[in-house]
Amino acid sequence: MTLVQNFPFFSIIIAMFSGIISSVLTGKQARNVSLTAISVTTAMSAAVLFFCLKTGESYTYMMGHFPAPWGNEIRAGVLEGLTALMFGLVMLFSVIGGMEHTFLDVEESKINLFFIMIDLMLSSLLALIYTNDLFTAYVFVEINTIAGCGLIMIRQVGRSFTSAIWYMVMSQLGSGLFLIGLTLLYDVTGHLLMTPAKEAVAVLEAAGSYEIPLLVILAVISVGLAIKSGLFPFHSWIPYTYGYATPTASAVLSGLVSKGYIFLLIKIFYRVLGRENVIATRMVNVLFIFGLAGMIMGSVLAILEKDTRRMIAYSSVAQIGYIYMGIGLGTGGGMIAAVFHMFTHSATKALLFISAVGLYEVSGDKKDFASLRGAGYRNPLAGIGFTVGALSMVGFPMLSGFISKLLFATSALDSPHKMMPTLIGLAVSTVLNAIYFLRLVITLYRGGEAAEKTDQGRETALLYHPGMLRLAICGFILLNLFLGLNSQPIVGSIAAGLAMFD
C-alpha cells in the first residue's frame, strides 16, 4: 500500500485531533491549527483524487487490519476524492471569509471552541465521504449534528439559541430514523460493512425474501437523511439555522452539511441496497415528487421573504430540491447531475453568504432590501461576488449553475415519464430564482435616499480588515467559474466515481 492510500485515514484523524489540540489553545492559535488542518486535508484529498484517476480503481483501507466482515474499513475512489476536495475548498474559503466576524461575534474565551466545532465538522464530513462502515457513518452523523448545533449557538444571542434547539430537534428526528433503518438492515443481513451488506441484500432479493422489511429500511433511511438535509417539507429549520449563525457557520452549514448527508444516502443506494433495487421499489418516485415540490416552494418562500439572509437560506430549500429531483429521475444521468449540483450549490451558496457579509458591513449591518440599496457600489468586490453567485443560481451561462440545469434537462430525456415534469419544474424554478435573486442584485446597484443614509455603515466597515473576506470571495468566484468552464472533466470524474460504486 502506497503512502497516498493512507491519506483518507490521515485526513479524518488530523481533523479530529486538531479539535482535541485546540481545546487547550487560545483563539488565535486554534484558528491557525484549524486553517492548517483544512489546508493539509484538502491537499491530501487532491492527492487521493489524482491517485484514483491514475489507477482507475477504488481501494479499501482496513482499520486495524481486521478483514471484513469484522473490521472497520475506509473506501476511496474518484468520487470520494473529488467530493472531499470540493468540501475542503469550500470549508477553507468559508472559514477565511468569515474570520473577522468570528472574532467579533464570538466571545474571546469561546473562539477556540468555535474552531473545535469547525474541526469536528470537517472530520465528520470526511468520514461520511470515506467510510465503508454503516455504524461508523451513524457515529459521525451524530458528531456532525453536535458540531453544527455548536456552530449555531456560539453567538449566544436569543435567536441563535432558538435556532440551535430547532436544529437539534429536527436533526435528532432524522438521526433516529436513520438508526432504526440501520438496525433493521443489520437484523436482516447481519452486516454493517457496505460491501458484505450489499451481497447479503442481493441474496435476499434473488430469493424473494424480506421484501417488506427491505422496503421499510429504504424508506426509513431515505426519510431520515432527507430530514437532516432539509428536503421539503422538512425544511422549516433552515431559515432560522442559516439566517442567525455567524457568516462562517452559515456558509458551512448551508454549503456542506446537507451535502454530506445526501452523499451518504447516494452511497447507501449504490453500495448497500443496490441502485436497481431502489429503482424497482419506486422510492425514487417519492424523492422526485418532493424534490420538484422543494424546487418550487423554496423559491416561492424566498420571494415572500423580506430579510435577505433568510431569503438566501430559503433558496437552499429549492436547491436541495434540485438534487433530490435528480436522484429521483432514477437514471445515471440524473445521478450525475445531482452530484454535480451538490458541488455547484456548495460553492455558490457559501459565496452568497460570505459576499452578503461585505454588503451588510457597508449598510449599517442591516439586512433588509431598502438598507442594501447601493451596497454594490460601497463594497464593489462583495457586490460582484454576490452577483456571480446569484447569476449562477439563476443559471447564467459560463457559471456552474448553468451546467447543473443543463445536466438536469438532458438527463430528463432518458426518463420519458418524468421528462415533462422535470422540464416544467426547471423552467418555473428558474423564473422564480430570477425574480428574487435579480431583484436583490438590482437593489445593490440602485442609488437613492437609502444609499445616501449609509455613512454610518461605511464607517463601521472601516473597523474591519477585509483582506481575508476579499480573498475568500475571489476564491469562490474562481471556483464557480472553474466548475462552469471546465465541467466536462468534472462530469467525467463523477461518472467514473459512480461506476466504481457499482
Protein backbone atom coordinates (compact mmCIF):
# COMPACT_ATOMS: atom_id res chain seq x y z
CA MET A 1 0.00 0.00 0.00
CA THR A 2 1.38 3.39 -1.05
CA LEU A 3 1.52 6.44 1.20
CA VAL A 4 -1.28 8.16 -0.73
CA GLN A 5 -3.67 5.32 0.07
CA ASN A 6 -3.32 6.20 3.76
CA PHE A 7 -4.40 9.79 3.21
CA PRO A 8 -8.17 9.27 3.76
CA PHE A 9 -7.47 7.85 7.21
CA PHE A 10 -4.87 10.53 7.93
CA SER A 11 -7.32 13.26 6.88
CA ILE A 12 -10.02 12.15 9.30
CA ILE A 13 -7.55 11.74 12.17
CA ILE A 14 -5.79 15.08 11.52
CA ALA A 15 -9.10 16.95 11.57
CA MET A 16 -10.26 15.17 14.72
CA PHE A 17 -7.02 15.66 16.63
CA SER A 18 -6.89 19.31 15.58
CA GLY A 19 -10.12 19.79 17.53
CA ILE A 20 -8.68 18.00 20.55
CA ILE A 21 -5.48 20.06 20.45
CA SER A 22 -7.43 23.31 20.03
CA SER A 23 -9.21 22.71 23.34
CA VAL A 24 -6.08 23.85 25.22
CA LEU A 25 -5.11 26.68 22.85
CA THR A 26 -6.03 30.34 22.60
CA GLY A 27 -8.48 31.51 19.96
CA LYS A 28 -5.80 32.67 17.51
CA GLN A 29 -3.76 29.51 18.00
CA ALA A 30 -6.87 27.38 17.44
CA ARG A 31 -7.56 29.38 14.26
CA ASN A 32 -4.08 28.65 12.95
CA VAL A 33 -4.38 24.94 13.76
CA SER A 34 -7.77 24.75 12.09
CA LEU A 35 -6.63 26.51 8.91
CA THR A 36 -3.60 24.24 8.76
CA ALA A 37 -5.74 21.13 9.20
CA ILE A 38 -8.19 22.21 6.49
CA SER A 39 -5.36 23.03 4.07
CA VAL A 40 -3.49 19.77 4.71
CA THR A 41 -6.59 17.56 4.42
CA THR A 42 -7.64 19.36 1.23
CA ALA A 43 -4.22 18.70 -0.29
CA MET A 44 -4.49 15.06 0.77
CA SER A 45 -7.92 14.80 -0.84
CA ALA A 46 -6.47 16.16 -4.09
CA ALA A 47 -3.71 13.53 -3.93
CA VAL A 48 -6.29 10.76 -3.38
CA LEU A 49 -8.32 12.00 -6.36
CA PHE A 50 -5.34 12.05 -8.72
CA PHE A 51 -4.19 8.63 -7.48
CA CYS A 52 -7.61 7.07 -8.17
CA LEU A 53 -7.85 8.79 -11.56
CA LYS A 54 -4.43 7.43 -12.46
CA THR A 55 -5.14 3.86 -11.37
CA GLY A 56 -8.77 3.87 -12.50
CA GLU A 57 -9.75 1.84 -9.43
CA SER A 58 -11.07 2.33 -5.90
CA TYR A 59 -9.50 0.73 -2.86
CA THR A 60 -10.31 -0.10 0.76
CA TYR A 61 -8.24 0.61 3.84
CA MET A 62 -8.67 -1.82 6.74
CA MET A 63 -8.74 -0.16 10.15
CA GLY A 64 -6.50 -2.20 12.45
CA HIS A 65 -6.05 -4.71 9.61
CA PHE A 66 -9.06 -6.78 10.65
CA PRO A 67 -10.67 -8.12 7.45
CA ALA A 68 -14.37 -7.98 6.59
CA PRO A 69 -16.89 -8.65 7.97
CA TRP A 70 -15.40 -7.97 11.43
CA GLY A 71 -13.18 -4.97 10.78
CA ASN A 72 -13.88 -1.34 10.00
CA GLU A 73 -13.00 -0.04 6.58
CA ILE A 74 -12.40 3.16 4.69
CA ARG A 75 -13.04 3.21 0.96
CA ALA A 76 -11.63 5.72 -1.51
CA GLY A 77 -12.36 6.21 -5.18
CA VAL A 78 -12.62 9.00 -7.73
CA LEU A 79 -15.93 10.34 -6.41
CA GLU A 80 -14.81 10.24 -2.78
CA GLY A 81 -11.60 12.10 -3.59
CA LEU A 82 -13.40 14.70 -5.72
CA THR A 83 -16.08 15.31 -3.09
CA ALA A 84 -13.54 15.61 -0.28
CA LEU A 85 -11.52 18.07 -2.36
CA MET A 86 -14.58 20.23 -3.10
CA PHE A 87 -15.71 20.16 0.53
CA GLY A 88 -12.21 21.11 1.69
CA LEU A 89 -12.02 24.12 -0.62
CA VAL A 90 -15.46 25.36 0.40
CA MET A 91 -14.61 24.88 4.08
CA LEU A 92 -11.31 26.74 3.69
CA PHE A 93 -12.82 29.75 1.90
CA SER A 94 -15.78 29.84 4.31
CA VAL A 95 -13.52 29.97 7.36
CA ILE A 96 -11.26 32.59 5.79
CA GLY A 97 -14.16 34.74 4.59
CA GLY A 98 -15.90 34.82 7.96
CA MET A 99 -12.73 35.11 10.02
CA GLU A 100 -13.12 38.75 11.08
CA HIS A 101 -16.74 38.29 12.07
CA THR A 102 -15.90 35.15 14.01
CA PHE A 103 -13.66 37.18 16.30
CA LEU A 104 -16.29 39.93 16.55
CA ASP A 105 -19.38 37.77 17.08
CA VAL A 106 -17.92 35.15 19.43
CA GLU A 107 -16.71 35.78 22.97
CA GLU A 108 -12.94 35.73 23.19
CA SER A 109 -12.98 32.84 25.68
CA LYS A 110 -15.05 30.73 23.26
CA ILE A 111 -13.24 31.36 19.99
CA ASN A 112 -11.20 28.18 20.39
CA LEU A 113 -14.49 26.31 20.93
CA PHE A 114 -15.73 27.67 17.59
CA PHE A 115 -12.70 26.23 15.81
CA ILE A 116 -13.07 22.95 17.67
CA MET A 117 -16.55 22.69 16.14
CA ILE A 118 -15.11 23.51 12.69
CA ASP A 119 -12.51 20.75 13.09
CA LEU A 120 -15.10 18.22 14.21
CA MET A 121 -17.35 19.23 11.32
CA LEU A 122 -14.51 18.69 8.87
CA SER A 123 -13.65 15.32 10.41
CA SER A 124 -17.26 14.13 10.29
CA LEU A 125 -17.74 15.22 6.67
CA LEU A 126 -14.57 13.41 5.60
CA ALA A 127 -15.69 10.31 7.49
CA LEU A 128 -19.11 10.35 5.81
CA ILE A 129 -17.36 10.56 2.45
CA TYR A 130 -14.78 7.83 3.04
CA THR A 131 -16.32 5.35 5.47
CA ASN A 132 -17.27 1.88 4.29
CA ASP A 133 -19.00 1.03 7.57
CA LEU A 134 -22.61 1.99 8.28
CA PHE A 135 -22.35 2.25 12.04
CA THR A 136 -19.27 4.45 11.72
CA ALA A 137 -21.35 6.61 9.39
CA TYR A 138 -24.02 6.91 12.10
CA VAL A 139 -21.44 7.90 14.72
CA PHE A 140 -20.10 10.68 12.52
CA VAL A 141 -23.63 11.76 11.60
CA GLU A 142 -24.10 12.47 15.30
CA ILE A 143 -20.73 14.22 15.58
CA ASN A 144 -21.76 16.34 12.61
CA THR A 145 -25.06 17.20 14.31
CA ILE A 146 -23.40 18.20 17.58
CA ALA A 147 -20.77 20.30 15.79
CA GLY A 148 -23.47 22.02 13.72
CA CYS A 149 -25.50 22.80 16.81
CA GLY A 150 -22.43 24.26 18.48
CA LEU A 151 -21.68 26.47 15.47
CA ILE A 152 -25.22 27.86 15.52
CA MET A 153 -25.41 28.73 19.22
CA ILE A 154 -21.83 30.01 19.61
CA ARG A 155 -23.02 33.61 19.13
CA GLN A 156 -25.06 33.31 22.36
CA VAL A 157 -27.95 35.53 21.36
CA GLY A 158 -31.61 34.64 21.80
CA ARG A 159 -32.36 33.72 18.21
CA SER A 160 -29.24 31.58 17.88
CA PHE A 161 -30.29 29.54 20.94
CA THR A 162 -33.77 29.06 19.48
CA SER A 163 -32.31 28.10 16.11
CA ALA A 164 -29.92 25.61 17.72
CA ILE A 165 -32.76 23.92 19.60
CA TRP A 166 -34.87 23.70 16.43
CA TYR A 167 -31.88 22.33 14.51
CA MET A 168 -31.18 19.75 17.21
CA VAL A 169 -34.80 18.55 17.38
CA MET A 170 -35.10 18.07 13.62
CA SER A 171 -31.64 16.54 13.34
CA GLN A 172 -32.31 14.05 16.11
CA LEU A 173 -35.56 13.06 14.45
CA GLY A 174 -33.65 12.34 11.25
CA SER A 175 -30.84 10.58 13.11
CA GLY A 176 -33.34 8.40 14.98
CA LEU A 177 -34.98 7.25 11.76
CA PHE A 178 -31.57 6.60 10.21
CA LEU A 179 -30.52 4.49 13.20
CA ILE A 180 -33.76 2.49 13.05
CA GLY A 181 -33.06 1.78 9.39
CA LEU A 182 -29.51 0.62 10.15
CA THR A 183 -30.77 -1.60 12.97
CA LEU A 184 -33.29 -3.27 10.69
CA LEU A 185 -30.67 -3.67 7.96
CA TYR A 186 -28.27 -5.35 10.39
CA ASP A 187 -31.10 -7.58 11.58
CA VAL A 188 -31.85 -8.93 8.10
CA THR A 189 -28.30 -9.01 6.67
CA GLY A 190 -26.02 -9.46 9.69
CA HIS A 191 -23.55 -6.92 8.30
CA LEU A 192 -22.63 -3.26 8.79
CA LEU A 193 -19.83 -3.04 6.23
CA MET A 194 -21.29 -1.82 2.95
CA THR A 195 -19.89 -4.47 0.59
CA PRO A 196 -20.96 -7.56 2.62
CA ALA A 197 -24.32 -5.91 3.32
CA LYS A 198 -24.89 -5.38 -0.42
CA GLU A 199 -24.03 -9.02 -1.12
CA ALA A 200 -26.49 -10.15 1.55
CA VAL A 201 -29.22 -7.86 0.15
CA ALA A 202 -28.61 -9.31 -3.34
CA VAL A 203 -29.09 -12.84 -1.99
CA LEU A 204 -32.34 -11.83 -0.26
CA GLU A 205 -33.61 -10.12 -3.41
CA ALA A 206 -32.81 -13.17 -5.55
CA ALA A 207 -34.67 -15.41 -3.10
CA GLY A 208 -37.62 -13.03 -2.85
CA SER A 209 -37.22 -12.85 0.94
CA TYR A 210 -37.74 -9.90 3.30
CA GLU A 211 -39.26 -7.70 0.59
CA ILE A 212 -41.35 -5.64 3.02
CA PRO A 213 -38.55 -5.21 5.61
CA LEU A 214 -36.15 -4.08 2.87
CA LEU A 215 -38.72 -1.57 1.62
CA VAL A 216 -39.17 -0.26 5.17
CA ILE A 217 -35.38 0.01 5.56
CA LEU A 218 -35.12 2.01 2.34
CA ALA A 219 -37.99 4.31 3.32
CA VAL A 220 -36.79 4.94 6.87
CA ILE A 221 -33.18 5.66 5.86
CA SER A 222 -34.30 7.91 2.99
CA VAL A 223 -36.71 9.91 5.15
CA GLY A 224 -34.18 10.21 7.97
CA LEU A 225 -31.44 11.63 5.74
CA ALA A 226 -33.97 13.78 3.85
CA ILE A 227 -34.96 15.41 7.15
CA LYS A 228 -31.34 16.04 8.04
CA SER A 229 -30.56 17.54 4.63
CA GLY A 230 -33.63 19.81 4.65
CA LEU A 231 -35.72 18.37 1.82
CA PHE A 232 -39.16 19.99 1.53
CA PRO A 233 -41.41 19.70 3.59
CA PHE A 234 -38.79 19.03 6.32
CA HIS A 235 -37.21 22.43 5.70
CA SER A 236 -38.68 24.66 8.41
CA TRP A 237 -35.44 24.81 10.45
CA ILE A 238 -33.29 26.03 7.54
CA PRO A 239 -34.06 29.80 7.50
CA TYR A 240 -33.60 30.03 11.28
CA THR A 241 -30.42 27.98 11.31
CA TYR A 242 -28.66 29.62 8.37
CA GLY A 243 -30.09 33.07 8.99
CA TYR A 244 -28.85 33.68 12.55
CA ALA A 245 -25.47 31.90 12.70
CA THR A 246 -22.08 33.53 12.14
CA PRO A 247 -21.11 34.02 8.46
CA THR A 248 -18.70 31.09 8.51
CA ALA A 249 -21.24 28.83 10.21
CA SER A 250 -23.96 29.83 7.72
CA ALA A 251 -21.67 29.13 4.77
CA VAL A 252 -20.54 25.77 6.14
CA LEU A 253 -23.99 24.61 7.24
CA SER A 254 -25.71 25.60 4.00
CA GLY A 255 -22.89 24.61 1.66
CA LEU A 256 -21.58 21.38 3.18
CA VAL A 257 -23.58 19.74 5.94
CA SER A 258 -26.69 18.83 3.96
CA LYS A 259 -24.48 17.61 1.08
CA GLY A 260 -22.67 15.22 3.42
CA TYR A 261 -25.96 13.54 4.28
CA ILE A 262 -27.03 13.40 0.63
CA PHE A 263 -23.67 11.86 -0.33
CA LEU A 264 -24.16 9.22 2.35
CA LEU A 265 -27.65 8.47 1.00
CA ILE A 266 -26.22 8.03 -2.51
CA LYS A 267 -23.60 5.64 -1.16
CA ILE A 268 -26.28 3.58 0.57
CA PHE A 269 -28.38 3.46 -2.60
CA TYR A 270 -25.45 2.25 -4.70
CA ARG A 271 -23.25 0.33 -2.29
CA VAL A 272 -25.71 -1.24 0.16
CA LEU A 273 -29.24 -1.57 -1.20
CA GLY A 274 -28.31 -1.59 -4.88
CA ARG A 275 -29.41 1.11 -7.31
CA GLU A 276 -31.57 -1.25 -9.38
CA ASN A 277 -33.35 -2.47 -6.24
CA VAL A 278 -34.02 1.11 -5.15
CA ILE A 279 -35.46 1.97 -8.55
CA ALA A 280 -37.61 -1.17 -8.52
CA THR A 281 -39.23 -0.14 -5.21
CA ARG A 282 -40.22 3.22 -6.80
CA MET A 283 -38.88 5.07 -3.79
CA VAL A 284 -37.12 7.32 -6.28
CA ASN A 285 -40.55 8.48 -7.46
CA VAL A 286 -41.30 9.78 -3.98
CA LEU A 287 -37.98 11.63 -3.85
CA PHE A 288 -38.69 13.02 -7.31
CA ILE A 289 -42.06 14.45 -6.27
CA PHE A 290 -40.74 16.04 -3.08
CA GLY A 291 -37.72 17.34 -5.00
CA LEU A 292 -39.98 19.10 -7.51
CA ALA A 293 -42.11 20.49 -4.68
CA GLY A 294 -38.98 21.80 -2.94
CA MET A 295 -37.75 23.47 -6.14
CA ILE A 296 -40.96 25.48 -6.42
CA MET A 297 -41.92 26.07 -2.79
CA GLY A 298 -38.42 27.03 -1.69
CA SER A 299 -38.35 29.73 -4.36
CA VAL A 300 -41.86 30.96 -3.50
CA LEU A 301 -40.91 31.29 0.17
CA ALA A 302 -37.73 33.13 -0.82
CA ILE A 303 -39.74 35.63 -2.87
CA LEU A 304 -42.02 36.34 0.10
CA GLU A 305 -39.10 36.88 2.49
CA LYS A 306 -38.06 40.46 3.41
CA ASP A 307 -34.87 39.60 5.27
CA THR A 308 -32.18 38.95 2.65
CA ARG A 309 -30.26 36.46 4.75
CA ARG A 310 -33.38 34.36 5.29
CA MET A 311 -34.10 34.75 1.58
CA ILE A 312 -30.73 33.18 0.78
CA ALA A 313 -31.49 30.42 3.27
CA TYR A 314 -34.88 29.67 1.69
CA SER A 315 -33.12 29.42 -1.65
CA SER A 316 -31.27 26.40 -0.21
CA VAL A 317 -34.61 24.60 0.10
CA ALA A 318 -35.08 25.00 -3.65
CA GLN A 319 -31.55 23.90 -4.48
CA ILE A 320 -31.77 20.80 -2.28
CA GLY A 321 -34.97 20.06 -4.18
CA TYR A 322 -32.95 20.09 -7.41
CA ILE A 323 -30.58 17.47 -6.02
CA TYR A 324 -33.37 15.14 -4.89
CA MET A 325 -35.19 15.65 -8.17
CA GLY A 326 -32.05 14.45 -9.99
CA ILE A 327 -31.77 11.42 -7.73
CA GLY A 328 -35.48 10.75 -8.25
CA LEU A 329 -35.08 10.56 -12.02
CA GLY A 330 -33.63 7.11 -11.40
CA THR A 331 -31.15 7.37 -14.27
CA GLY A 332 -27.38 7.52 -14.42
CA GLY A 333 -27.53 10.98 -15.95
CA GLY A 334 -29.85 12.20 -13.22
CA MET A 335 -27.47 11.00 -10.52
CA ILE A 336 -24.51 12.67 -12.23
CA ALA A 337 -26.50 15.92 -12.42
CA ALA A 338 -27.44 15.61 -8.73
CA VAL A 339 -23.82 15.13 -7.64
CA PHE A 340 -22.62 17.99 -9.84
CA HIS A 341 -25.29 20.24 -8.36
CA MET A 342 -24.06 19.27 -4.89
CA PHE A 343 -20.74 20.84 -5.86
CA THR A 344 -22.44 23.81 -7.52
CA HIS A 345 -24.61 24.57 -4.52
CA SER A 346 -21.74 24.10 -2.06
CA ALA A 347 -19.56 26.65 -3.81
CA THR A 348 -22.31 29.10 -4.78
CA LYS A 349 -24.32 29.22 -1.57
CA ALA A 350 -21.19 29.74 0.52
CA LEU A 351 -20.22 32.55 -1.89
CA LEU A 352 -23.61 34.21 -1.39
CA PHE A 353 -23.42 34.11 2.41
CA ILE A 354 -19.82 35.33 2.53
CA SER A 355 -20.42 38.10 -0.04
CA ALA A 356 -23.53 39.22 1.81
CA VAL A 357 -21.34 39.90 4.86
CA GLY A 358 -19.41 42.55 2.94
CA LEU A 359 -22.67 44.14 1.80
CA TYR A 360 -24.15 44.21 5.30
CA GLU A 361 -20.98 45.83 6.68
CA VAL A 362 -21.47 48.90 4.46
CA SER A 363 -25.22 49.06 5.16
CA GLY A 364 -25.22 49.54 8.92
CA ASP A 365 -25.34 45.75 9.41
CA LYS A 366 -28.94 45.83 8.17
CA LYS A 367 -30.30 43.02 6.03
CA ASP A 368 -33.49 44.39 4.52
CA PHE A 369 -33.78 45.34 0.86
CA ALA A 370 -34.14 49.08 1.45
CA SER A 371 -30.94 49.32 3.51
CA LEU A 372 -28.94 47.44 0.86
CA ARG A 373 -29.68 49.92 -1.92
CA GLY A 374 -26.39 50.95 -3.50
CA ALA A 375 -24.34 48.50 -1.40
CA GLY A 376 -22.74 47.10 -4.56
CA TYR A 377 -21.04 50.46 -5.08
CA ARG A 378 -19.96 50.82 -1.46
CA ASN A 379 -18.30 47.39 -1.47
CA PRO A 380 -17.61 46.58 -5.13
CA LEU A 381 -15.98 43.15 -4.65
CA ALA A 382 -18.76 41.91 -2.37
CA GLY A 383 -21.29 43.18 -4.91
CA ILE A 384 -19.52 41.33 -7.72
CA GLY A 385 -19.31 38.17 -5.61
CA PHE A 386 -22.99 38.25 -4.76
CA THR A 387 -23.90 38.96 -8.38
CA VAL A 388 -21.84 36.00 -9.60
CA GLY A 389 -23.49 33.74 -7.01
CA ALA A 390 -26.96 35.00 -7.86
CA LEU A 391 -26.45 34.58 -11.61
CA SER A 392 -25.12 31.07 -11.02
CA MET A 393 -28.23 30.13 -9.06
CA VAL A 394 -30.39 31.52 -11.87
CA GLY A 395 -28.42 29.54 -14.47
CA PHE A 396 -26.35 32.14 -16.30
CA PRO A 397 -24.01 30.65 -18.97
CA MET A 398 -20.35 30.10 -18.05
CA LEU A 399 -21.26 29.66 -14.38
CA SER A 400 -21.70 26.36 -12.56
CA GLY A 401 -25.45 26.73 -12.07
CA PHE A 402 -25.98 26.78 -15.83
CA ILE A 403 -24.18 23.44 -16.20
CA SER A 404 -26.29 21.93 -13.41
CA LYS A 405 -29.55 22.91 -15.07
CA LEU A 406 -28.30 21.75 -18.45
CA LEU A 407 -27.38 18.37 -16.98
CA PHE A 408 -30.80 18.05 -15.30
CA ALA A 409 -32.59 18.93 -18.56
CA THR A 410 -30.59 16.50 -20.71
CA SER A 411 -30.85 13.68 -18.16
CA ALA A 412 -34.65 14.12 -18.08
CA LEU A 413 -34.73 12.98 -21.72
CA ASP A 414 -33.72 9.50 -20.58
CA SER A 415 -36.84 9.24 -18.38
CA PRO A 416 -39.89 9.67 -20.64
CA HIS A 417 -42.48 9.60 -17.84
CA LYS A 418 -40.64 12.26 -15.83
CA MET A 419 -39.35 14.39 -18.71
CA MET A 420 -42.16 16.95 -18.86
CA PRO A 421 -42.50 17.45 -15.07
CA THR A 422 -38.72 17.91 -14.88
CA LEU A 423 -38.52 20.43 -17.72
CA ILE A 424 -41.55 22.37 -16.46
CA GLY A 425 -40.17 22.35 -12.91
CA LEU A 426 -36.78 23.61 -14.14
CA ALA A 427 -38.43 26.40 -16.14
CA VAL A 428 -40.72 27.55 -13.34
CA SER A 429 -37.98 27.35 -10.71
CA THR A 430 -35.55 29.29 -12.91
CA VAL A 431 -38.07 32.09 -13.37
CA LEU A 432 -38.73 32.21 -9.63
CA ASN A 433 -34.96 32.19 -8.93
CA ALA A 434 -34.56 35.14 -11.27
CA ILE A 435 -37.33 37.06 -9.51
CA TYR A 436 -35.81 37.08 -6.04
CA PHE A 437 -32.11 36.94 -6.85
CA LEU A 438 -32.09 39.53 -9.63
CA ARG A 439 -34.36 41.77 -7.58
CA LEU A 440 -31.69 41.88 -4.89
CA VAL A 441 -28.87 42.31 -7.42
CA ILE A 442 -30.71 45.28 -8.96
CA THR A 443 -31.24 46.70 -5.46
CA LEU A 444 -27.49 46.50 -4.79
CA TYR A 445 -26.80 48.80 -7.72
CA ARG A 446 -29.66 51.24 -7.27
CA GLY A 447 -28.96 54.71 -5.92
CA GLY A 448 -31.36 56.82 -3.95
CA GLU A 449 -32.18 58.05 -0.49
CA ALA A 450 -31.46 54.74 1.25
CA ALA A 451 -27.98 54.65 -0.27
CA GLU A 452 -27.21 58.16 0.95
CA LYS A 453 -28.02 57.33 4.55
CA THR A 454 -25.36 54.67 4.98
CA ASP A 455 -22.38 56.74 6.08
CA GLN A 456 -22.58 55.03 9.44
CA GLY A 457 -22.44 51.66 7.71
CA ARG A 458 -19.44 52.79 5.68
CA GLU A 459 -17.65 53.94 8.82
CA THR A 460 -18.48 50.65 10.52
CA ALA A 461 -16.95 48.76 7.62
CA LEU A 462 -13.65 50.60 8.13
CA LEU A 463 -13.31 48.85 11.51
CA TYR A 464 -12.90 45.51 9.73
CA HIS A 465 -9.86 44.19 7.93
CA PRO A 466 -11.44 42.98 4.69
CA GLY A 467 -8.37 41.26 3.25
CA MET A 468 -9.49 37.79 4.31
CA LEU A 469 -13.03 38.44 3.07
CA ARG A 470 -11.74 39.59 -0.30
CA LEU A 471 -9.53 36.52 -0.60
CA ALA A 472 -12.48 34.23 0.12
CA ILE A 473 -14.79 35.98 -2.35
CA CYS A 474 -12.16 35.79 -5.10
CA GLY A 475 -11.57 32.13 -4.31
CA PHE A 476 -15.27 31.32 -4.51
CA ILE A 477 -15.69 33.23 -7.77
CA LEU A 478 -12.79 31.35 -9.36
CA LEU A 479 -14.15 28.03 -8.08
CA ASN A 480 -17.55 28.82 -9.56
CA LEU A 481 -16.04 29.78 -12.91
CA PHE A 482 -13.89 26.65 -12.89
CA LEU A 483 -16.95 24.46 -12.39
CA GLY A 484 -18.77 26.29 -15.15
CA LEU A 485 -15.96 26.46 -17.74
CA ASN A 486 -14.32 23.08 -17.03
CA SER A 487 -17.37 20.99 -16.34
CA GLN A 488 -16.62 18.14 -18.75
CA PRO A 489 -13.69 16.57 -16.85
CA ILE A 490 -15.59 17.01 -13.58
CA VAL A 491 -18.70 15.35 -15.01
CA GLY A 492 -16.49 12.57 -16.37
CA SER A 493 -14.91 12.08 -12.94
CA ILE A 494 -18.35 11.93 -11.32
CA ALA A 495 -19.46 9.32 -13.84
CA ALA A 496 -16.29 7.28 -13.27
CA GLY A 497 -16.74 7.50 -9.50
CA LEU A 498 -20.39 6.35 -9.64
CA ALA A 499 -19.31 3.45 -11.89
CA MET A 500 -16.85 2.42 -9.16
CA PHE A 501 -19.76 2.39 -6.67
CA ASP A 502 -21.39 -0.37 -8.71
